[in-house]
Amino acid sequence: MNPNTCRANIAVLALALWTGIVGCQSTHPITQPVTSVAQPHAVGAPPQTAAATPAANPESLVLQEGDTIHISFPGAPALNTVQTIRRDGKITLDLVGEINAAGLKPHALEVELIKKLGDQLVEKEVSVTVQSSTFIVYVTGCVLRPGKLISERVLSPLQAVIEAGIDHNKASLKKVTVVRDLPNGQRLIFKLNLDKELKGEPTEPFDLKPFDTIFVPEKFTWY
């Protein structure tokens, strides 16, 4: 073989080997970043979470005293009824009597109604929807607008007092009293320091119940 031809073949072979090596090395850096970028989405990137979680979910509602609910029976429309959840947390249906509703989500009440009615339903289907929700508490004492406070949402004690108007010259928020009368006649009394909460200091959470009475005392002054 001609020496020049041999050298040319060797040069072509070396060039082919070098191109193959460079080609293999260039694919690795491209593949690796794609894998590392895709992985966070696989474990729950924000866009996927937002799509999976609706902005407003009716099933997140919890029934409470004072709510007006519509109960419909697709297989027996004659049983359809509108009920207001009483102060004791119950409603009354003709076929089953009293049922606890407060504290349940609408779907949980649907399940409970199906259990209670049993074989009386040809179609095991019940729908519970909230027509109106009213949260009622009473605020008295050193507030600007004492009396019944009606809200469409659950209020905290501080929110209720702010809604009633704080008389900062007279009101003592350090010793606020919440009175809760239970259906069995028992009375519960709670002492709250709303002054700390108003200042942004950490306090123990306290949930108001419908028909609670909040009393804001007057500051003690020396004459």
Protein backbone atom coordinates (compact mmCIF):
# COMPACT_ATOMS: atom_id res chain seq x y z
CA MET A 1 0.00 0.00 0.00
CA ASN A 2 1.21 3.49 -0.83
CA PRO A 3 2.60 5.12 2.34
CA ASN A 4 0.71 8.34 1.59
CA THR A 5 -2.55 6.41 1.23
CA CYS A 6 -1.89 4.59 4.49
CA ARG A 7 -1.27 7.83 6.34
CA ALA A 8 -4.46 9.30 4.87
CA ASN A 9 -6.51 6.30 6.04
CA ILE A 10 -5.05 6.56 9.53
CA ALA A 11 -5.92 10.27 9.65
CA VAL A 12 -9.51 9.57 8.54
CA LEU A 13 -9.87 6.81 11.18
CA ALA A 14 -8.50 9.07 13.92
CA LEU A 15 -10.88 11.84 12.92
CA ALA A 16 -13.84 9.44 13.04
CA LEU A 17 -12.86 8.16 16.49
CA TRP A 18 -12.42 11.73 17.81
CA THR A 19 -15.83 12.77 16.46
CA GLY A 20 -17.51 9.76 18.11
CA ILE A 21 -15.92 10.53 21.45
CA VAL A 22 -16.91 14.20 21.34
CA GLY A 23 -20.43 13.25 20.29
CA CYS A 24 -20.88 10.90 23.26
CA GLN A 25 -19.64 13.54 25.68
CA SER A 26 -21.98 16.23 24.34
CA THR A 27 -25.18 14.19 24.90
CA HIS A 28 -24.55 13.65 28.63
CA PRO A 29 -24.67 17.31 29.75
CA ILE A 30 -27.89 17.80 27.75
CA THR A 31 -29.68 14.80 29.25
CA GLN A 32 -28.67 15.52 32.86
CA PRO A 33 -30.12 19.03 33.12
CA VAL A 34 -33.42 17.87 31.62
CA THR A 35 -33.67 15.18 34.29
CA SER A 36 -32.78 17.56 37.13
CA VAL A 37 -35.27 20.21 35.97
CA ALA A 38 -38.13 17.78 35.49
CA GLN A 39 -37.73 16.15 38.91
CA PRO A 40 -39.13 19.03 41.04
CA HIS A 41 -42.33 19.03 38.95
CA ALA A 42 -42.67 15.30 39.54
CA VAL A 43 -42.74 15.83 43.31
CA GLY A 44 -45.30 18.63 43.10
CA ALA A 45 -44.45 21.89 41.37
CA PRO A 46 -46.67 24.87 42.24
CA PRO A 47 -48.53 24.89 38.89
CA GLN A 48 -49.59 21.27 39.38
CA THR A 49 -50.66 21.89 42.95
CA ALA A 50 -52.74 24.90 41.96
CA ALA A 51 -54.45 22.92 39.24
CA ALA A 52 -55.23 20.05 41.61
CA THR A 53 -56.60 22.31 44.39
CA PRO A 54 -59.72 24.31 43.46
CA ALA A 55 -59.91 27.89 44.66
CA ALA A 56 -63.24 27.26 46.40
CA ASN A 57 -64.31 23.85 47.59
CA PRO A 58 -67.84 23.56 49.04
CA GLU A 59 -66.81 20.40 50.88
CA SER A 60 -64.42 22.45 53.00
CA LEU A 61 -67.50 23.98 54.70
CA VAL A 62 -68.49 22.70 58.12
CA LEU A 63 -72.15 22.96 59.09
CA GLN A 64 -72.90 25.04 62.17
CA GLU A 65 -75.80 26.22 64.27
CA GLY A 66 -77.94 28.74 62.39
CA ASP A 67 -77.13 27.38 58.92
CA THR A 68 -80.09 26.88 56.59
CA ILE A 69 -79.65 23.75 54.48
CA HIS A 70 -81.62 22.22 51.62
CA ILE A 71 -81.93 18.43 51.68
CA SER A 72 -83.10 16.82 48.47
CA PHE A 73 -83.85 13.19 47.62
CA PRO A 74 -83.62 12.64 43.81
CA GLY A 75 -85.49 9.34 44.08
CA ALA A 76 -88.21 10.71 46.39
CA PRO A 77 -88.81 14.45 45.80
CA ALA A 78 -91.67 14.45 48.28
CA LEU A 79 -89.07 14.15 51.06
CA ASN A 80 -87.23 17.31 50.03
CA THR A 81 -86.97 19.78 52.89
CA VAL A 82 -85.32 22.99 54.06
CA GLN A 83 -83.97 22.90 57.59
CA THR A 84 -82.30 25.42 59.89
CA ILE A 85 -79.76 23.85 62.22
CA ARG A 86 -80.93 24.58 65.75
CA ARG A 87 -78.90 25.88 68.64
CA ASP A 88 -78.41 22.31 69.87
CA GLY A 89 -76.82 21.46 66.52
CA LYS A 90 -79.68 19.23 65.35
CA ILE A 91 -82.34 19.10 62.64
CA THR A 92 -85.57 17.11 62.65
CA LEU A 93 -86.86 15.00 59.75
CA ASP A 94 -90.28 13.34 59.74
CA LEU A 95 -89.04 9.83 58.96
CA VAL A 96 -85.99 9.68 61.22
CA GLY A 97 -86.49 12.28 63.94
CA GLU A 98 -83.55 14.30 65.28
CA ILE A 99 -80.15 14.16 63.60
CA ASN A 100 -76.94 15.90 64.64
CA ALA A 101 -75.84 18.20 61.81
CA ALA A 102 -73.54 20.84 63.32
CA GLY A 103 -69.87 19.95 62.99
CA LEU A 104 -70.41 17.76 59.93
CA LYS A 105 -69.51 18.54 56.35
CA PRO A 106 -72.40 18.38 53.85
CA HIS A 107 -71.20 15.06 52.40
CA ALA A 108 -70.91 13.53 55.88
CA LEU A 109 -74.51 14.53 56.60
CA GLU A 110 -75.59 12.96 53.29
CA VAL A 111 -73.98 9.68 54.33
CA GLU A 112 -75.63 9.85 57.76
CA LEU A 113 -79.05 10.47 56.23
CA ILE A 114 -78.68 7.48 53.92
CA LYS A 115 -77.81 5.31 56.94
CA LYS A 116 -80.77 6.58 58.94
CA LEU A 117 -83.32 6.18 56.17
CA GLY A 118 -82.05 2.77 55.11
CA ASP A 119 -84.56 0.76 53.09
CA GLN A 120 -86.98 3.68 52.97
CA LEU A 121 -84.98 5.06 50.05
CA VAL A 122 -85.34 3.33 46.68
CA GLU A 123 -82.38 5.32 45.37
CA LYS A 124 -79.52 5.66 47.87
CA GLU A 125 -78.86 9.28 47.00
CA VAL A 126 -79.19 12.42 49.12
CA SER A 127 -77.96 15.95 48.41
CA VAL A 128 -77.24 18.54 51.11
CA THR A 129 -76.54 22.14 50.13
CA VAL A 130 -76.09 25.21 52.30
CA GLN A 131 -78.57 27.95 51.39
CA SER A 132 -77.37 30.48 53.94
CA SER A 133 -74.86 30.58 56.77
CA THR A 134 -75.29 32.96 59.69
CA PHE A 135 -72.88 33.31 62.60
CA ILE A 136 -74.51 35.14 65.51
CA VAL A 137 -72.78 36.33 68.69
CA TYR A 138 -73.57 39.03 71.23
CA VAL A 139 -71.08 41.72 72.28
CA THR A 140 -71.71 43.87 75.34
CA GLY A 141 -69.84 46.05 77.81
CA CYS A 142 -67.47 48.85 76.80
CA VAL A 143 -68.00 48.69 73.04
CA LEU A 144 -69.41 51.36 70.76
CA ARG A 145 -72.17 49.19 69.25
CA PRO A 146 -73.32 46.60 71.80
CA GLY A 147 -75.86 43.97 70.88
CA LYS A 148 -76.35 41.16 68.37
CA LEU A 149 -73.60 40.73 65.81
CA ILE A 150 -74.54 38.84 62.64
CA SER A 151 -71.84 37.61 60.29
CA GLU A 152 -71.69 35.29 57.27
CA ARG A 153 -68.45 33.77 58.54
CA VAL A 154 -67.00 32.49 61.79
CA LEU A 155 -65.42 35.28 63.84
CA SER A 156 -62.65 35.23 66.41
CA PRO A 157 -63.28 37.02 69.73
CA LEU A 158 -61.03 39.92 68.69
CA GLN A 159 -62.75 40.24 65.32
CA ALA A 160 -66.15 40.34 67.03
CA VAL A 161 -65.02 43.06 69.45
CA ILE A 162 -63.52 45.10 66.61
CA GLU A 163 -66.78 44.76 64.67
CA ALA A 164 -68.66 46.08 67.72
CA GLY A 165 -66.22 48.98 68.04
CA ILE A 166 -63.51 49.25 70.70
CA ASP A 167 -63.76 52.13 73.14
CA HIS A 168 -60.01 52.44 73.77
CA ASN A 169 -60.53 55.07 76.47
CA LYS A 170 -62.71 52.83 78.62
CA ALA A 171 -62.43 49.22 77.46
CA SER A 172 -60.10 46.73 79.13
CA LEU A 173 -59.22 44.03 76.61
CA LYS A 174 -57.05 42.18 79.12
CA LYS A 175 -60.00 40.58 80.92
CA VAL A 176 -62.64 39.88 78.27
CA THR A 177 -65.25 37.29 79.24
CA VAL A 178 -66.98 34.86 76.89
CA VAL A 179 -70.19 33.26 78.19
CA ARG A 180 -71.47 30.12 76.48
CA ASP A 181 -74.83 28.57 77.36
CA LEU A 182 -75.07 24.90 76.42
CA PRO A 183 -78.33 23.19 75.35
CA ASN A 184 -78.29 21.12 78.56
CA GLY A 185 -78.51 24.29 80.65
CA GLN A 186 -74.83 24.35 81.63
CA ARG A 187 -73.00 27.68 81.39
CA LEU A 188 -69.33 27.95 80.50
CA ILE A 189 -67.25 31.07 81.20
CA PHE A 190 -63.91 31.82 79.53
CA LYS A 191 -61.43 34.61 80.35
CA LEU A 192 -59.44 36.00 77.42
CA ASN A 193 -56.63 38.54 77.09
CA LEU A 194 -57.40 40.19 73.76
CA ASP A 195 -54.93 43.00 74.47
CA LYS A 196 -52.01 40.63 73.79
CA GLU A 197 -53.58 39.43 70.54
CA LEU A 198 -54.24 43.02 69.44
CA LYS A 199 -50.55 43.76 69.96
CA GLY A 200 -49.55 40.73 67.90
CA GLU A 201 -48.27 38.70 70.83
CA PRO A 202 -48.78 34.91 70.78
CA THR A 203 -51.96 33.73 72.48
CA GLU A 204 -53.79 30.44 72.88
CA PRO A 205 -56.34 29.96 70.07
CA PHE A 206 -59.99 30.24 71.07
CA ASP A 207 -62.97 29.45 68.83
CA LEU A 208 -66.24 31.25 69.28
CA LYS A 209 -69.48 29.30 68.96
CA PRO A 210 -72.76 30.68 67.63
CA PHE A 211 -74.74 32.60 70.25
CA ASP A 212 -71.73 33.19 72.53
CA THR A 213 -71.85 36.41 74.56
CA ILE A 214 -68.67 38.50 74.73
CA PHE A 215 -68.36 40.97 77.61
CA VAL A 216 -65.73 43.71 77.47
CA PRO A 217 -65.19 45.21 80.95
CA GLU A 218 -64.33 48.81 81.79
CA LYS A 219 -60.83 49.79 82.78
CA PHE A 220 -60.24 50.33 86.47
CA THR A 221 -59.44 53.96 87.10
CA TRP A 222 -58.38 55.87 90.22
CA TYR A 223 -60.34 58.98 91.05
